[in-house]
Amino acid sequence: MGADHRPPRRAVEPRRADRCAVDTIDSRIVGFATGGAPRDDNPPASTELWSLNVVPEHHGTGVATELMTAVIDPEAPTYLWVAAANDRAVAFYRKHRFELDGTEKFDPIWECHEARMVRA
């Protein structure tokens, strides 16, 4: 982070089946993550990363990694759904040992194609 930024403050619930983490800087939410039990039938892992979002000006600062590891065990088998066209997100998850498994679906609420990524 640049010299004009203070270190982020973390608000994290204790580890349990369903978790949420929020990152704030100057009382402004800059990112959040949620994870827990799988929401799909026949999931490829026992944990799902449900969401991970960071505002663009904080991409590349380490916030996303900290949020993700706050809600899922970094060594546990886990899966997630990512917008298939979001190359930046796919690259981020690959850096954290997730791989596309070839499963795709269309999300009618967000009107986008999603691809499943799995970390064994």
PDB file of N, CA and C in Angstrom:
ATOM      1  N   MET A   1       0.832  -1.182   0.000  1.00  0.00           N
ATOM      2  CA  MET A   1       0.000   0.000   0.000  1.00  0.00           C
ATOM      3  C   MET A   1       0.870   1.236   0.000  1.00  0.00           C
ATOM      4  N   GLY A   2       0.333   2.309  -0.533  1.00  0.00           N
ATOM      5  CA  GLY A   2       1.068   3.564  -0.573  1.00  0.00           C
ATOM      6  C   GLY A   2       1.183   4.186   0.799  1.00  0.00           C
ATOM      7  N   ALA A   3       2.036   5.212   0.886  1.00  0.00           N
ATOM      8  CA  ALA A   3       2.302   5.860   2.171  1.00  0.00           C
ATOM      9  C   ALA A   3       1.076   6.557   2.730  1.00  0.00           C
ATOM     10  N   ASP A   4       0.105   6.896   1.891  1.00  0.00           N
ATOM     11  CA  ASP A   4      -1.078   7.609   2.372  1.00  0.00           C
ATOM     12  C   ASP A   4      -2.178   6.681   2.860  1.00  0.00           C
ATOM     13  N   HIS A   5      -1.938   5.371   2.902  1.00  0.00           N
ATOM     14  CA  HIS A   5      -2.933   4.408   3.367  1.00  0.00           C
ATOM     15  C   HIS A   5      -2.534   3.853   4.727  1.00  0.00           C
ATOM     16  N   ARG A   6      -3.518   3.717   5.589  1.00  0.00           N
ATOM     17  CA  ARG A   6      -3.284   3.035   6.864  1.00  0.00           C
ATOM     18  C   ARG A   6      -3.530   1.549   6.667  1.00  0.00           C
ATOM     19  N   PRO A   7      -2.915   0.695   7.497  1.00  0.00           N
ATOM     20  CA  PRO A   7      -3.202  -0.741   7.379  1.00  0.00           C
ATOM     21  C   PRO A   7      -4.689  -1.001   7.605  1.00  0.00           C
ATOM     22  N   PRO A   8      -5.271  -1.941   6.852  1.00  0.00           N
ATOM     23  CA  PRO A   8      -6.703  -2.227   7.021  1.00  0.00           C
ATOM     24  C   PRO A   8      -7.012  -2.847   8.370  1.00  0.00           C
ATOM     25  N   ARG A   9      -8.204  -2.549   8.855  1.00  0.00           N
ATOM     26  CA  ARG A   9      -8.704  -3.194  10.068  1.00  0.00           C
ATOM     27  C   ARG A   9      -9.576  -4.354   9.641  1.00  0.00           C
ATOM     28  N   ARG A  10      -9.532  -5.441  10.369  1.00  0.00           N
ATOM     29  CA  ARG A  10     -10.283  -6.643  10.020  1.00  0.00           C
ATOM     30  C   ARG A  10     -11.402  -6.887  11.017  1.00  0.00           C
ATOM     31  N   ALA A  11     -12.550  -7.256  10.517  1.00  0.00           N
ATOM     32  CA  ALA A  11     -13.661  -7.706  11.360  1.00  0.00           C
ATOM     33  C   ALA A  11     -14.000  -9.106  10.891  1.00  0.00           C
ATOM     34  N   VAL A  12     -13.663 -10.083  11.688  1.00  0.00           N
ATOM     35  CA  VAL A  12     -13.833 -11.475  11.284  1.00  0.00           C
ATOM     36  C   VAL A  12     -14.565 -12.229  12.371  1.00  0.00           C
ATOM     37  N   GLU A  13     -15.597 -12.983  11.985  1.00  0.00           N
ATOM     38  CA  GLU A  13     -16.279 -13.848  12.938  1.00  0.00           C
ATOM     39  C   GLU A  13     -15.380 -15.039  13.227  1.00  0.00           C
ATOM     40  N   PRO A  14     -15.522 -15.662  14.384  1.00  0.00           N
ATOM     41  CA  PRO A  14     -14.723 -16.850  14.694  1.00  0.00           C
ATOM     42  C   PRO A  14     -14.954 -17.952  13.667  1.00  0.00           C
ATOM     43  N   ARG A  15     -13.939 -18.799  13.449  1.00  0.00           N
ATOM     44  CA  ARG A  15     -14.078 -19.896  12.492  1.00  0.00           C
ATOM     45  C   ARG A  15     -15.189 -20.836  12.934  1.00  0.00           C
ATOM     46  N   ARG A  16     -16.067 -21.162  12.011  1.00  0.00           N
ATOM     47  CA  ARG A  16     -17.143 -22.117  12.216  1.00  0.00           C
ATOM     48  C   ARG A  16     -17.626 -22.535  10.847  1.00  0.00           C
ATOM     49  N   ALA A  17     -18.732 -23.226  10.751  1.00  0.00           N
ATOM     50  CA  ALA A  17     -19.171 -23.776   9.466  1.00  0.00           C
ATOM     51  C   ALA A  17     -19.409 -22.686   8.418  1.00  0.00           C
ATOM     52  N   ASP A  18     -20.080 -21.611   8.774  1.00  0.00           N
ATOM     53  CA  ASP A  18     -20.344 -20.515   7.846  1.00  0.00           C
ATOM     54  C   ASP A  18     -19.631 -19.274   8.371  1.00  0.00           C
ATOM     55  N   ARG A  19     -18.873 -18.598   7.496  1.00  0.00           N
ATOM     56  CA  ARG A  19     -18.055 -17.484   7.952  1.00  0.00           C
ATOM     57  C   ARG A  19     -18.181 -16.289   7.026  1.00  0.00           C
ATOM     58  N   CYS A  20     -17.917 -15.121   7.606  1.00  0.00           N
ATOM     59  CA  CYS A  20     -17.915 -13.875   6.841  1.00  0.00           C
ATOM     60  C   CYS A  20     -16.778 -13.013   7.361  1.00  0.00           C
ATOM     61  N   ALA A  21     -16.056 -12.366   6.466  1.00  0.00           N
ATOM     62  CA  ALA A  21     -14.999 -11.422   6.843  1.00  0.00           C
ATOM     63  C   ALA A  21     -15.213 -10.146   6.050  1.00  0.00           C
ATOM     64  N   VAL A  22     -14.927  -9.018   6.689  1.00  0.00           N
ATOM     65  CA  VAL A  22     -15.060  -7.709   6.051  1.00  0.00           C
ATOM     66  C   VAL A  22     -13.779  -6.943   6.294  1.00  0.00           C
ATOM     67  N   ASP A  23     -13.292  -6.246   5.287  1.00  0.00           N
ATOM     68  CA  ASP A  23     -12.099  -5.415   5.420  1.00  0.00           C
ATOM     69  C   ASP A  23     -12.538  -3.964   5.292  1.00  0.00           C
ATOM     70  N   THR A  24     -12.122  -3.158   6.244  1.00  0.00           N
ATOM     71  CA  THR A  24     -12.494  -1.739   6.199  1.00  0.00           C
ATOM     72  C   THR A  24     -11.239  -0.873   6.270  1.00  0.00           C
ATOM     73  N   ILE A  25     -11.288   0.234   5.587  1.00  0.00           N
ATOM     74  CA  ILE A  25     -10.256   1.264   5.675  1.00  0.00           C
ATOM     75  C   ILE A  25     -10.991   2.587   5.824  1.00  0.00           C
ATOM     76  N   ASP A  26     -10.646   3.317   6.854  1.00  0.00           N
ATOM     77  CA  ASP A  26     -11.299   4.600   7.113  1.00  0.00           C
ATOM     78  C   ASP A  26     -12.813   4.467   7.148  1.00  0.00           C
ATOM     79  N   SER A  27     -13.309   3.420   7.825  1.00  0.00           N
ATOM     80  CA  SER A  27     -14.746   3.155   8.003  1.00  0.00           C
ATOM     81  C   SER A  27     -15.469   2.850   6.694  1.00  0.00           C
ATOM     82  N   ARG A  28     -14.749   2.489   5.659  1.00  0.00           N
ATOM     83  CA  ARG A  28     -15.340   2.156   4.361  1.00  0.00           C
ATOM     84  C   ARG A  28     -15.032   0.695   4.047  1.00  0.00           C
ATOM     85  N   ILE A  29     -16.055  -0.077   3.719  1.00  0.00           N
ATOM     86  CA  ILE A  29     -15.828  -1.474   3.350  1.00  0.00           C
ATOM     87  C   ILE A  29     -15.107  -1.508   2.009  1.00  0.00           C
ATOM     88  N   VAL A  30     -13.966  -2.226   1.974  1.00  0.00           N
ATOM     89  CA  VAL A  30     -13.221  -2.357   0.726  1.00  0.00           C
ATOM     90  C   VAL A  30     -13.257  -3.793   0.205  1.00  0.00           C
ATOM     91  N   GLY A  31     -13.781  -4.707   1.009  1.00  0.00           N
ATOM     92  CA  GLY A  31     -13.893  -6.074   0.547  1.00  0.00           C
ATOM     93  C   GLY A  31     -14.608  -6.941   1.553  1.00  0.00           C
ATOM     94  N   PHE A  32     -15.117  -8.083   1.056  1.00  0.00           N
ATOM     95  CA  PHE A  32     -15.752  -9.057   1.944  1.00  0.00           C
ATOM     96  C   PHE A  32     -15.615 -10.444   1.339  1.00  0.00           C
ATOM     97  N   ALA A  33     -15.720 -11.439   2.199  1.00  0.00           N
ATOM     98  CA  ALA A  33     -15.683 -12.827   1.759  1.00  0.00           C
ATOM     99  C   ALA A  33     -16.639 -13.629   2.624  1.00  0.00           C
ATOM    100  N   THR A  34     -17.256 -14.652   2.034  1.00  0.00           N
ATOM    101  CA  THR A  34     -18.102 -15.575   2.773  1.00  0.00           C
ATOM    102  C   THR A  34     -17.804 -16.991   2.300  1.00  0.00           C
ATOM    103  N   GLY A  35     -17.960 -17.946   3.193  1.00  0.00           N
ATOM    104  CA  GLY A  35     -17.732 -19.336   2.840  1.00  0.00           C
ATOM    105  C   GLY A  35     -18.345 -20.254   3.871  1.00  0.00           C
ATOM    106  N   GLY A  36     -18.471 -21.510   3.503  1.00  0.00           N
ATOM    107  CA  GLY A  36     -19.031 -22.482   4.426  1.00  0.00           C
ATOM    108  C   GLY A  36     -19.384 -23.767   3.730  1.00  0.00           C
ATOM    109  N   ALA A  37     -20.448 -24.371   4.201  1.00  0.00           N
ATOM    110  CA  ALA A  37     -20.901 -25.648   3.649  1.00  0.00           C
ATOM    111  C   ALA A  37     -21.324 -25.468   2.194  1.00  0.00           C
ATOM    112  N   PRO A  38     -21.116 -26.489   1.364  1.00  0.00           N
ATOM    113  CA  PRO A  38     -21.512 -26.397  -0.045  1.00  0.00           C
ATOM    114  C   PRO A  38     -23.008 -26.150  -0.208  1.00  0.00           C
ATOM    115  N   ARG A  39     -23.349 -25.387  -1.232  1.00  0.00           N
ATOM    116  CA  ARG A  39     -24.751 -25.104  -1.544  1.00  0.00           C
ATOM    117  C   ARG A  39     -25.252 -25.945  -2.714  1.00  0.00           C
ATOM    118  N   ASP A  40     -24.376 -26.732  -3.311  1.00  0.00           N
ATOM    119  CA  ASP A  40     -24.725 -27.520  -4.490  1.00  0.00           C
ATOM    120  C   ASP A  40     -24.977 -28.977  -4.130  1.00  0.00           C
ATOM    121  N   ASP A  41     -25.775 -29.650  -4.969  1.00  0.00           N
ATOM    122  CA  ASP A  41     -25.909 -31.100  -4.868  1.00  0.00           C
ATOM    123  C   ASP A  41     -24.611 -31.712  -5.409  1.00  0.00           C
ATOM    124  N   ASN A  42     -24.131 -32.761  -4.810  1.00  0.00           N
ATOM    125  CA  ASN A  42     -22.924 -33.461  -5.250  1.00  0.00           C
ATOM    126  C   ASN A  42     -21.720 -32.530  -5.405  1.00  0.00           C
ATOM    127  N   PRO A  43     -21.362 -31.790  -4.363  1.00  0.00           N
ATOM    128  CA  PRO A  43     -20.225 -30.866  -4.468  1.00  0.00           C
ATOM    129  C   PRO A  43     -18.898 -31.615  -4.573  1.00  0.00           C
ATOM    130  N   PRO A  44     -17.890 -31.011  -5.205  1.00  0.00           N
ATOM    131  CA  PRO A  44     -16.592 -31.666  -5.340  1.00  0.00           C
ATOM    132  C   PRO A  44     -15.701 -31.528  -4.100  1.00  0.00           C
ATOM    133  N   ALA A  45     -16.143 -30.771  -3.106  1.00  0.00           N
ATOM    134  CA  ALA A  45     -15.373 -30.580  -1.869  1.00  0.00           C
ATOM    135  C   ALA A  45     -16.350 -30.270  -0.739  1.00  0.00           C
ATOM    136  N   SER A  46     -15.869 -30.364   0.487  1.00  0.00           N
ATOM    137  CA  SER A  46     -16.741 -30.167   1.651  1.00  0.00           C
ATOM    138  C   SER A  46     -16.885 -28.703   2.069  1.00  0.00           C
ATOM    139  N   THR A  47     -16.143 -27.805   1.427  1.00  0.00           N
ATOM    140  CA  THR A  47     -16.229 -26.376   1.714  1.00  0.00           C
ATOM    141  C   THR A  47     -16.383 -25.618   0.414  1.00  0.00           C
ATOM    142  N   GLU A  48     -17.192 -24.544   0.454  1.00  0.00           N
ATOM    143  CA  GLU A  48     -17.371 -23.680  -0.712  1.00  0.00           C
ATOM    144  C   GLU A  48     -17.030 -22.246  -0.333  1.00  0.00           C
ATOM    145  N   LEU A  49     -16.245 -21.596  -1.169  1.00  0.00           N
ATOM    146  CA  LEU A  49     -16.049 -20.154  -1.047  1.00  0.00           C
ATOM    147  C   LEU A  49     -17.232 -19.528  -1.771  1.00  0.00           C
ATOM    148  N   TRP A  50     -18.157 -18.932  -1.004  1.00  0.00           N
ATOM    149  CA  TRP A  50     -19.399 -18.420  -1.581  1.00  0.00           C
ATOM    150  C   TRP A  50     -19.182 -17.101  -2.304  1.00  0.00           C
ATOM    151  N   SER A  51     -18.369 -16.232  -1.724  1.00  0.00           N
ATOM    152  CA  SER A  51     -18.140 -14.930  -2.349  1.00  0.00           C
ATOM    153  C   SER A  51     -16.803 -14.368  -1.906  1.00  0.00           C
ATOM    154  N   LEU A  52     -16.216 -13.566  -2.772  1.00  0.00           N
ATOM    155  CA  LEU A  52     -15.002 -12.819  -2.468  1.00  0.00           C
ATOM    156  C   LEU A  52     -15.012 -11.606  -3.378  1.00  0.00           C
ATOM    157  N   ASN A  53     -15.129 -10.444  -2.781  1.00  0.00           N
ATOM    158  CA  ASN A  53     -15.195  -9.212  -3.556  1.00  0.00           C
ATOM    159  C   ASN A  53     -14.341  -8.140  -2.903  1.00  0.00           C
ATOM    160  N   VAL A  54     -13.562  -7.454  -3.727  1.00  0.00           N
ATOM    161  CA  VAL A  54     -12.714  -6.354  -3.273  1.00  0.00           C
ATOM    162  C   VAL A  54     -12.889  -5.217  -4.273  1.00  0.00           C
ATOM    163  N   VAL A  55     -13.041  -3.994  -3.770  1.00  0.00           N
ATOM    164  CA  VAL A  55     -13.199  -2.849  -4.673  1.00  0.00           C
ATOM    165  C   VAL A  55     -11.938  -2.714  -5.525  1.00  0.00           C
ATOM    166  N   PRO A  56     -12.093  -2.300  -6.785  1.00  0.00           N
ATOM    167  CA  PRO A  56     -10.959  -2.285  -7.721  1.00  0.00           C
ATOM    168  C   PRO A  56      -9.720  -1.538  -7.232  1.00  0.00           C
ATOM    169  N   GLU A  57      -9.885  -0.438  -6.532  1.00  0.00           N
ATOM    170  CA  GLU A  57      -8.690   0.301  -6.104  1.00  0.00           C
ATOM    171  C   GLU A  57      -7.857  -0.439  -5.060  1.00  0.00           C
ATOM    172  N   HIS A  58      -8.374  -1.558  -4.550  1.00  0.00           N
ATOM    173  CA  HIS A  58      -7.617  -2.364  -3.592  1.00  0.00           C
ATOM    174  C   HIS A  58      -7.201  -3.711  -4.167  1.00  0.00           C
ATOM    175  N   HIS A  59      -7.402  -3.910  -5.487  1.00  0.00           N
ATOM    176  CA  HIS A  59      -6.879  -5.114  -6.139  1.00  0.00           C
ATOM    177  C   HIS A  59      -5.358  -5.088  -6.035  1.00  0.00           C
ATOM    178  N   GLY A  60      -4.768  -6.242  -5.805  1.00  0.00           N
ATOM    179  CA  GLY A  60      -3.323  -6.341  -5.758  1.00  0.00           C
ATOM    180  C   GLY A  60      -2.679  -5.910  -4.448  1.00  0.00           C
ATOM    181  N   THR A  61      -3.474  -5.599  -3.430  1.00  0.00           N
ATOM    182  CA  THR A  61      -2.926  -5.141  -2.147  1.00  0.00           C
ATOM    183  C   THR A  61      -2.795  -6.252  -1.112  1.00  0.00           C
ATOM    184  N   GLY A  62      -3.314  -7.442  -1.421  1.00  0.00           N
ATOM    185  CA  GLY A  62      -3.295  -8.537  -0.452  1.00  0.00           C
ATOM    186  C   GLY A  62      -4.595  -8.684   0.323  1.00  0.00           C
ATOM    187  N   VAL A  63      -5.505  -7.733   0.156  1.00  0.00           N
ATOM    188  CA  VAL A  63      -6.785  -7.777   0.870  1.00  0.00           C
ATOM    189  C   VAL A  63      -7.551  -9.046   0.519  1.00  0.00           C
ATOM    190  N   ALA A  64      -7.626  -9.401  -0.764  1.00  0.00           N
ATOM    191  CA  ALA A  64      -8.401 -10.580  -1.183  1.00  0.00           C
ATOM    192  C   ALA A  64      -7.850 -11.862  -0.556  1.00  0.00           C
ATOM    193  N   THR A  65      -6.539 -12.007  -0.542  1.00  0.00           N
ATOM    194  CA  THR A  65      -5.932 -13.205   0.053  1.00  0.00           C
ATOM    195  C   THR A  65      -6.249 -13.279   1.543  1.00  0.00           C
ATOM    196  N   GLU A  66      -6.118 -12.160   2.240  1.00  0.00           N
ATOM    197  CA  GLU A  66      -6.412 -12.152   3.674  1.00  0.00           C
ATOM    198  C   GLU A  66      -7.871 -12.480   3.954  1.00  0.00           C
ATOM    199  N   LEU A  67      -8.777 -11.925   3.157  1.00  0.00           N
ATOM    200  CA  LEU A  67     -10.194 -12.213   3.348  1.00  0.00           C
ATOM    201  C   LEU A  67     -10.495 -13.684   3.073  1.00  0.00           C
ATOM    202  N   MET A  68      -9.952 -14.209   1.986  1.00  0.00           N
ATOM    203  CA  MET A  68     -10.224 -15.600   1.631  1.00  0.00           C
ATOM    204  C   MET A  68      -9.728 -16.542   2.722  1.00  0.00           C
ATOM    205  N   THR A  69      -8.513 -16.323   3.216  1.00  0.00           N
ATOM    206  CA  THR A  69      -7.986 -17.226   4.233  1.00  0.00           C
ATOM    207  C   THR A  69      -8.655 -17.021   5.587  1.00  0.00           C
ATOM    208  N   ALA A  70      -9.369 -15.925   5.761  1.00  0.00           N
ATOM    209  CA  ALA A  70     -10.132 -15.725   6.996  1.00  0.00           C
ATOM    210  C   ALA A  70     -11.404 -16.558   7.014  1.00  0.00           C
ATOM    211  N   VAL A  71     -11.928 -16.900   5.832  1.00  0.00           N
ATOM    212  CA  VAL A  71     -13.203 -17.629   5.802  1.00  0.00           C
ATOM    213  C   VAL A  71     -13.072 -19.087   5.384  1.00  0.00           C
ATOM    214  N   ILE A  72     -11.951 -19.469   4.765  1.00  0.00           N
ATOM    215  CA  ILE A  72     -11.735 -20.882   4.425  1.00  0.00           C
ATOM    216  C   ILE A  72     -10.328 -21.288   4.848  1.00  0.00           C
ATOM    217  N   ASP A  73     -10.184 -22.540   5.206  1.00  0.00           N
ATOM    218  CA  ASP A  73      -8.882 -23.079   5.563  1.00  0.00           C
ATOM    219  C   ASP A  73      -8.032 -23.127   4.292  1.00  0.00           C
ATOM    220  N   PRO A  74      -6.862 -22.493   4.293  1.00  0.00           N
ATOM    221  CA  PRO A  74      -6.058 -22.446   3.067  1.00  0.00           C
ATOM    222  C   PRO A  74      -5.550 -23.809   2.596  1.00  0.00           C
ATOM    223  N   GLU A  75      -5.652 -24.834   3.424  1.00  0.00           N
ATOM    224  CA  GLU A  75      -5.196 -26.172   3.034  1.00  0.00           C
ATOM    225  C   GLU A  75      -6.352 -27.132   2.755  1.00  0.00           C
ATOM    226  N   ALA A  76      -7.569 -26.740   3.058  1.00  0.00           N
ATOM    227  CA  ALA A  76      -8.722 -27.638   2.916  1.00  0.00           C
ATOM    228  C   ALA A  76      -9.203 -27.724   1.470  1.00  0.00           C
ATOM    229  N   PRO A  77      -9.670 -28.907   1.058  1.00  0.00           N
ATOM    230  CA  PRO A  77     -10.319 -29.015  -0.249  1.00  0.00           C
ATOM    231  C   PRO A  77     -11.524 -28.065  -0.294  1.00  0.00           C
ATOM    232  N   THR A  78     -11.582 -27.243  -1.319  1.00  0.00           N
ATOM    233  CA  THR A  78     -12.595 -26.185  -1.420  1.00  0.00           C
ATOM    234  C   THR A  78     -12.942 -25.990  -2.887  1.00  0.00           C
ATOM    235  N   TYR A  79     -14.159 -25.519  -3.133  1.00  0.00           N
ATOM    236  CA  TYR A  79     -14.514 -25.153  -4.502  1.00  0.00           C
ATOM    237  C   TYR A  79     -15.225 -23.814  -4.494  1.00  0.00           C
ATOM    238  N   LEU A  80     -15.375 -23.240  -5.683  1.00  0.00           N
ATOM    239  CA  LEU A  80     -16.026 -21.945  -5.840  1.00  0.00           C
ATOM    240  C   LEU A  80     -16.556 -21.828  -7.256  1.00  0.00           C
ATOM    241  N   TRP A  81     -17.440 -20.859  -7.444  1.00  0.00           N
ATOM    242  CA  TRP A  81     -17.928 -20.502  -8.770  1.00  0.00           C
ATOM    243  C   TRP A  81     -17.403 -19.110  -9.087  1.00  0.00           C
ATOM    244  N   VAL A  82     -16.882 -18.923 -10.286  1.00  0.00           N
ATOM    245  CA  VAL A  82     -16.329 -17.645 -10.710  1.00  0.00           C
ATOM    246  C   VAL A  82     -16.958 -17.261 -12.045  1.00  0.00           C
ATOM    247  N   ALA A  83     -17.166 -15.963 -12.257  1.00  0.00           N
ATOM    248  CA  ALA A  83     -17.641 -15.504 -13.563  1.00  0.00           C
ATOM    249  C   ALA A  83     -16.617 -15.957 -14.604  1.00  0.00           C
ATOM    250  N   ALA A  84     -17.056 -16.751 -15.555  1.00  0.00           N
ATOM    251  CA  ALA A  84     -16.143 -17.378 -16.508  1.00  0.00           C
ATOM    252  C   ALA A  84     -15.309 -16.359 -17.281  1.00  0.00           C
ATOM    253  N   ALA A  85     -15.829 -15.183 -17.525  1.00  0.00           N
ATOM    254  CA  ALA A  85     -15.110 -14.164 -18.293  1.00  0.00           C
ATOM    255  C   ALA A  85     -14.194 -13.297 -17.432  1.00  0.00           C
ATOM    256  N   ASN A  86     -14.135 -13.559 -16.135  1.00  0.00           N
ATOM    257  CA  ASN A  86     -13.318 -12.744 -15.231  1.00  0.00           C
ATOM    258  C   ASN A  86     -11.913 -13.343 -15.144  1.00  0.00           C
ATOM    259  N   ASP A  87     -11.086 -13.028 -16.144  1.00  0.00           N
ATOM    260  CA  ASP A  87      -9.738 -13.584 -16.220  1.00  0.00           C
ATOM    261  C   ASP A  87      -8.891 -13.228 -15.002  1.00  0.00           C
ATOM    262  N   ARG A  88      -9.065 -12.030 -14.461  1.00  0.00           N
ATOM    263  CA  ARG A  88      -8.289 -11.613 -13.288  1.00  0.00           C
ATOM    264  C   ARG A  88      -8.617 -12.520 -12.091  1.00  0.00           C
ATOM    265  N   ALA A  89      -9.907 -12.799 -11.889  1.00  0.00           N
ATOM    266  CA  ALA A  89     -10.306 -13.652 -10.770  1.00  0.00           C
ATOM    267  C   ALA A  89      -9.806 -15.079 -10.974  1.00  0.00           C
ATOM    268  N   VAL A  90      -9.927 -15.607 -12.177  1.00  0.00           N
ATOM    269  CA  VAL A  90      -9.446 -16.965 -12.451  1.00  0.00           C
ATOM    270  C   VAL A  90      -7.950 -17.050 -12.150  1.00  0.00           C
ATOM    271  N   ALA A  91      -7.177 -16.052 -12.569  1.00  0.00           N
ATOM    272  CA  ALA A  91      -5.736 -16.043 -12.300  1.00  0.00           C
ATOM    273  C   ALA A  91      -5.460 -15.969 -10.790  1.00  0.00           C
ATOM    274  N   PHE A  92      -6.231 -15.161 -10.078  1.00  0.00           N
ATOM    275  CA  PHE A  92      -6.067 -15.055  -8.622  1.00  0.00           C
ATOM    276  C   PHE A  92      -6.292 -16.415  -7.965  1.00  0.00           C
ATOM    277  N   TYR A  93      -7.375 -17.084  -8.329  1.00  0.00           N
ATOM    278  CA  TYR A  93      -7.676 -18.376  -7.705  1.00  0.00           C
ATOM    279  C   TYR A  93      -6.642 -19.435  -8.096  1.00  0.00           C
ATOM    280  N   ARG A  94      -6.148 -19.403  -9.323  1.00  0.00           N
ATOM    281  CA  ARG A  94      -5.091 -20.348  -9.719  1.00  0.00           C
ATOM    282  C   ARG A  94      -3.846 -20.146  -8.863  1.00  0.00           C
ATOM    283  N   LYS A  95      -3.552 -18.895  -8.547  1.00  0.00           N
ATOM    284  CA  LYS A  95      -2.405 -18.600  -7.674  1.00  0.00           C
ATOM    285  C   LYS A  95      -2.575 -19.264  -6.309  1.00  0.00           C
ATOM    286  N   HIS A  96      -3.835 -19.506  -5.930  1.00  0.00           N
ATOM    287  CA  HIS A  96      -4.145 -20.135  -4.646  1.00  0.00           C
ATOM    288  C   HIS A  96      -4.535 -21.608  -4.817  1.00  0.00           C
ATOM    289  N   ARG A  97      -4.040 -22.236  -5.904  1.00  0.00           N
ATOM    290  CA  ARG A  97      -4.144 -23.670  -6.164  1.00  0.00           C
ATOM    291  C   ARG A  97      -5.536 -24.152  -6.566  1.00  0.00           C
ATOM    292  N   PHE A  98      -6.417 -23.275  -6.993  1.00  0.00           N
ATOM    293  CA  PHE A  98      -7.698 -23.697  -7.550  1.00  0.00           C
ATOM    294  C   PHE A  98      -7.512 -23.928  -9.045  1.00  0.00           C
ATOM    295  N   GLU A  99      -8.208 -24.926  -9.578  1.00  0.00           N
ATOM    296  CA  GLU A  99      -8.164 -25.193 -11.014  1.00  0.00           C
ATOM    297  C   GLU A  99      -9.574 -25.348 -11.561  1.00  0.00           C
ATOM    298  N   LEU A 100      -9.787 -24.905 -12.782  1.00  0.00           N
ATOM    299  CA  LEU A 100     -11.070 -25.107 -13.449  1.00  0.00           C
ATOM    300  C   LEU A 100     -11.284 -26.611 -13.625  1.00  0.00           C
ATOM    301  N   ASP A 101     -12.499 -27.067 -13.334  1.00  0.00           N
ATOM    302  CA  ASP A 101     -12.759 -28.507 -13.480  1.00  0.00           C
ATOM    303  C   ASP A 101     -13.659 -28.829 -14.671  1.00  0.00           C
ATOM    304  N   GLY A 102     -13.971 -27.823 -15.483  1.00  0.00           N
ATOM    305  CA  GLY A 102     -14.778 -28.046 -16.687  1.00  0.00           C
ATOM    306  C   GLY A 102     -16.276 -27.922 -16.472  1.00  0.00           C
ATOM    307  N   THR A 103     -16.726 -27.728 -15.236  1.00  0.00           N
ATOM    308  CA  THR A 103     -18.151 -27.590 -14.950  1.00  0.00           C
ATOM    309  C   THR A 103     -18.542 -26.123 -15.082  1.00  0.00           C
ATOM    310  N   GLU A 104     -19.597 -25.869 -15.835  1.00  0.00           N
ATOM    311  CA  GLU A 104     -20.082 -24.501 -16.035  1.00  0.00           C
ATOM    312  C   GLU A 104     -21.579 -24.454 -15.847  1.00  0.00           C
ATOM    313  N   LYS A 105     -22.073 -23.253 -15.548  1.00  0.00           N
ATOM    314  CA  LYS A 105     -23.522 -23.038 -15.440  1.00  0.00           C
ATOM    315  C   LYS A 105     -23.813 -21.576 -15.764  1.00  0.00           C
ATOM    316  N   PHE A 106     -25.067 -21.295 -16.047  1.00  0.00           N
ATOM    317  CA  PHE A 106     -25.492 -19.926 -16.291  1.00  0.00           C
ATOM    318  C   PHE A 106     -26.253 -19.448 -15.065  1.00  0.00           C
ATOM    319  N   ASP A 107     -25.863 -18.297 -14.535  1.00  0.00           N
ATOM    320  CA  ASP A 107     -26.541 -17.703 -13.386  1.00  0.00           C
ATOM    321  C   ASP A 107     -27.556 -16.692 -13.911  1.00  0.00           C
ATOM    322  N   PRO A 108     -28.862 -17.009 -13.821  1.00  0.00           N
ATOM    323  CA  PRO A 108     -29.871 -16.106 -14.368  1.00  0.00           C
ATOM    324  C   PRO A 108     -30.014 -14.805 -13.568  1.00  0.00           C
ATOM    325  N   ILE A 109     -29.667 -14.821 -12.296  1.00  0.00           N
ATOM    326  CA  ILE A 109     -29.775 -13.605 -11.489  1.00  0.00           C
ATOM    327  C   ILE A 109     -28.717 -12.595 -11.919  1.00  0.00           C
ATOM    328  N   TRP A 110     -27.467 -13.035 -12.073  1.00  0.00           N
ATOM    329  CA  TRP A 110     -26.372 -12.143 -12.483  1.00  0.00           C
ATOM    330  C   TRP A 110     -26.208 -12.103 -13.995  1.00  0.00           C
ATOM    331  N   GLU A 111     -26.954 -12.966 -14.698  1.00  0.00           N
ATOM    332  CA  GLU A 111     -26.894 -13.050 -16.153  1.00  0.00           C
ATOM    333  C   GLU A 111     -25.470 -13.230 -16.658  1.00  0.00           C
ATOM    334  N   CYS A 112     -24.796 -14.236 -16.097  1.00  0.00           N
ATOM    335  CA  CYS A 112     -23.420 -14.517 -16.542  1.00  0.00           C
ATOM    336  C   CYS A 112     -23.167 -16.021 -16.485  1.00  0.00           C
ATOM    337  N   HIS A 113     -22.174 -16.431 -17.257  1.00  0.00           N
ATOM    338  CA  HIS A 113     -21.725 -17.812 -17.239  1.00  0.00           C
ATOM    339  C   HIS A 113     -20.696 -17.948 -16.130  1.00  0.00           C
ATOM    340  N   GLU A 114     -20.840 -19.014 -15.347  1.00  0.00           N
ATOM    341  CA  GLU A 114     -19.913 -19.276 -14.251  1.00  0.00           C
ATOM    342  C   GLU A 114     -19.168 -20.575 -14.501  1.00  0.00           C
ATOM    343  N   ALA A 115     -17.934 -20.604 -14.040  1.00  0.00           N
ATOM    344  CA  ALA A 115     -17.102 -21.806 -14.145  1.00  0.00           C
ATOM    345  C   ALA A 115     -16.732 -22.229 -12.724  1.00  0.00           C
ATOM    346  N   ARG A 116     -16.691 -23.545 -12.506  1.00  0.00           N
ATOM    347  CA  ARG A 116     -16.332 -24.039 -11.182  1.00  0.00           C
ATOM    348  C   ARG A 116     -14.834 -24.263 -11.101  1.00  0.00           C
ATOM    349  N   MET A 117     -14.252 -23.852  -9.978  1.00  0.00           N
ATOM    350  CA  MET A 117     -12.843 -24.078  -9.706  1.00  0.00           C
ATOM    351  C   MET A 117     -12.745 -24.882  -8.409  1.00  0.00           C
ATOM    352  N   VAL A 118     -11.799 -25.814  -8.376  1.00  0.00           N
ATOM    353  CA  VAL A 118     -11.667 -26.726  -7.240  1.00  0.00           C
ATOM    354  C   VAL A 118     -10.207 -26.754  -6.789  1.00  0.00           C
ATOM    355  N   ARG A 119     -10.041 -26.781  -5.476  1.00  0.00           N
ATOM    356  CA  ARG A 119      -8.713 -27.001  -4.877  1.00  0.00           C
ATOM    357  C   ARG A 119      -8.801 -28.299  -4.093  1.00  0.00           C
ATOM    358  N   ALA A 120      -8.025 -29.295  -4.518  1.00  0.00           N
ATOM    359  CA  ALA A 120      -8.054 -30.608  -3.860  1.00  0.00           C
ATOM    360  C   ALA A 120      -7.216 -30.627  -2.603  1.00  0.00           C
TER     361      ALA A 120
END
